Amino acid sequence: MSRICMVTGAKPGFGHHVSHSHRRTNRRFNVNVQSKRYWVPSLRRTVTLTVSARGIKTIDRRGIDAVVADIFARGGKV
């Protein structure tokens, strides 16, 4: 499962581990993505979305129909 939110488009960030001696090694800041199922009344079926915590809050605020319409407008699949 790729760590990209389908609603907000959030992707992992990259940076460095910095040790006590100040040596730097690469690290990755992953996005908190969850696989969630939603019932979409306009499609009359459930959809499974890979969403971040902020994406879940966006769906709660705007509604699942509006969010799925935006995903389709971007050319995404649900």
C-alpha atoms as a PDB file:
ATOM      1  CA  MET A   1       0.000   0.000   0.000  1.00  0.00           C
ATOM      2  CA  SER A   2       1.526   3.302  -1.020  1.00  0.00           C
ATOM      3  CA  ARG A   3       1.638   5.908   1.683  1.00  0.00           C
ATOM      4  CA  ILE A   4      -0.312   8.579  -0.225  1.00  0.00           C
ATOM      5  CA  CYS A   5      -3.626  10.016   0.960  1.00  0.00           C
ATOM      6  CA  MET A   6      -6.316   9.852  -1.720  1.00  0.00           C
ATOM      7  CA  VAL A   7      -8.112  12.917  -0.310  1.00  0.00           C
ATOM      8  CA  THR A   8      -5.354  15.387   0.579  1.00  0.00           C
ATOM      9  CA  GLY A   9      -2.524  13.990  -1.544  1.00  0.00           C
ATOM     10  CA  ALA A  10      -0.144  13.910   1.430  1.00  0.00           C
ATOM     11  CA  LYS A  11       3.084  12.000   0.719  1.00  0.00           C
ATOM     12  CA  PRO A  12       5.987  10.942   2.929  1.00  0.00           C
ATOM     13  CA  GLY A  13       8.551  13.581   3.806  1.00  0.00           C
ATOM     14  CA  PHE A  14      12.263  12.908   3.877  1.00  0.00           C
ATOM     15  CA  GLY A  15      14.966  14.093   6.235  1.00  0.00           C
ATOM     16  CA  HIS A  16      17.878  12.892   8.342  1.00  0.00           C
ATOM     17  CA  HIS A  17      18.431  10.966  11.540  1.00  0.00           C
ATOM     18  CA  VAL A  18      20.961  13.022  13.474  1.00  0.00           C
ATOM     19  CA  SER A  19      22.941  10.997  15.993  1.00  0.00           C
ATOM     20  CA  HIS A  20      24.705  12.283  19.105  1.00  0.00           C
ATOM     21  CA  SER A  21      27.932  12.558  17.103  1.00  0.00           C
ATOM     22  CA  HIS A  22      25.977  14.527  14.455  1.00  0.00           C
ATOM     23  CA  ARG A  23      26.283  11.889  11.719  1.00  0.00           C
ATOM     24  CA  ARG A  24      23.336  12.120   9.362  1.00  0.00           C
ATOM     25  CA  THR A  25      21.553   9.166   7.797  1.00  0.00           C
ATOM     26  CA  ASN A  26      18.438   9.303   5.667  1.00  0.00           C
ATOM     27  CA  ARG A  27      15.024   8.767   7.178  1.00  0.00           C
ATOM     28  CA  ARG A  28      11.428   8.964   6.078  1.00  0.00           C
ATOM     29  CA  PHE A  29       8.503  10.687   7.802  1.00  0.00           C
ATOM     30  CA  ASN A  30       5.537   8.503   6.859  1.00  0.00           C
ATOM     31  CA  VAL A  31       1.983   9.792   6.605  1.00  0.00           C
ATOM     32  CA  ASN A  32      -0.567   8.308   8.989  1.00  0.00           C
ATOM     33  CA  VAL A  33      -2.688   6.584   6.322  1.00  0.00           C
ATOM     34  CA  GLN A  34      -5.542   4.223   7.062  1.00  0.00           C
ATOM     35  CA  SER A  35      -7.613   2.045   4.764  1.00  0.00           C
ATOM     36  CA  LYS A  36     -11.248   3.005   5.385  1.00  0.00           C
ATOM     37  CA  ARG A  37     -14.524   1.854   3.828  1.00  0.00           C
ATOM     38  CA  TYR A  38     -17.274   4.403   3.244  1.00  0.00           C
ATOM     39  CA  TRP A  39     -20.811   4.042   1.955  1.00  0.00           C
ATOM     40  CA  VAL A  40     -21.353   6.494  -0.915  1.00  0.00           C
ATOM     41  CA  PRO A  41     -25.080   7.109  -1.442  1.00  0.00           C
ATOM     42  CA  SER A  42     -24.650   8.657  -4.895  1.00  0.00           C
ATOM     43  CA  LEU A  43     -22.801   5.559  -6.168  1.00  0.00           C
ATOM     44  CA  ARG A  44     -24.950   3.176  -4.095  1.00  0.00           C
ATOM     45  CA  ARG A  45     -21.903   1.140  -3.063  1.00  0.00           C
ATOM     46  CA  THR A  46     -19.047   1.145  -0.597  1.00  0.00           C
ATOM     47  CA  VAL A  47     -15.644   2.489  -1.555  1.00  0.00           C
ATOM     48  CA  THR A  48     -12.313   1.774   0.114  1.00  0.00           C
ATOM     49  CA  LEU A  49     -10.108   4.834   0.425  1.00  0.00           C
ATOM     50  CA  THR A  50      -6.540   5.172   1.645  1.00  0.00           C
ATOM     51  CA  VAL A  51      -6.816   8.319   3.737  1.00  0.00           C
ATOM     52  CA  SER A  52      -4.677  10.172   6.235  1.00  0.00           C
ATOM     53  CA  ALA A  53      -5.949  11.367   9.590  1.00  0.00           C
ATOM     54  CA  ARG A  54      -6.492  14.832   8.118  1.00  0.00           C
ATOM     55  CA  GLY A  55      -8.312  13.238   5.162  1.00  0.00           C
ATOM     56  CA  ILE A  56     -10.744  11.527   7.550  1.00  0.00           C
ATOM     57  CA  LYS A  57     -11.495  14.900   9.157  1.00  0.00           C
ATOM     58  CA  THR A  58     -12.007  16.423   5.699  1.00  0.00           C
ATOM     59  CA  ILE A  59     -14.529  13.696   4.829  1.00  0.00           C
ATOM     60  CA  ASP A  60     -16.360  14.301   8.122  1.00  0.00           C
ATOM     61  CA  ARG A  61     -16.531  18.048   7.421  1.00  0.00           C
ATOM     62  CA  ARG A  62     -17.375  18.093   3.682  1.00  0.00           C
ATOM     63  CA  GLY A  63     -19.180  14.784   3.267  1.00  0.00           C
ATOM     64  CA  ILE A  64     -18.189  11.659   1.372  1.00  0.00           C
ATOM     65  CA  ASP A  65     -20.147  12.568  -1.787  1.00  0.00           C
ATOM     66  CA  ALA A  66     -18.257  15.848  -2.272  1.00  0.00           C
ATOM     67  CA  VAL A  67     -14.883  14.217  -1.604  1.00  0.00           C
ATOM     68  CA  VAL A  68     -15.520  11.348  -4.049  1.00  0.00           C
ATOM     69  CA  ALA A  69     -16.656  13.889  -6.665  1.00  0.00           C
ATOM     70  CA  ASP A  70     -13.323  15.728  -6.235  1.00  0.00           C
ATOM     71  CA  ILE A  71     -11.381  12.484  -6.621  1.00  0.00           C
ATOM     72  CA  PHE A  72     -13.236  11.731  -9.857  1.00  0.00           C
ATOM     73  CA  ALA A  73     -12.650  15.305 -11.095  1.00  0.00           C
ATOM     74  CA  ARG A  74      -8.886  14.826 -10.594  1.00  0.00           C
ATOM     75  CA  GLY A  75      -9.072  11.656 -12.670  1.00  0.00           C
ATOM     76  CA  GLY A  76      -8.597   9.283  -9.756  1.00  0.00           C
ATOM     77  CA  LYS A  77     -10.219   5.913  -9.318  1.00  0.00           C
ATOM     78  CA  VAL A  78     -12.282   4.808  -6.341  1.00  0.00           C
END
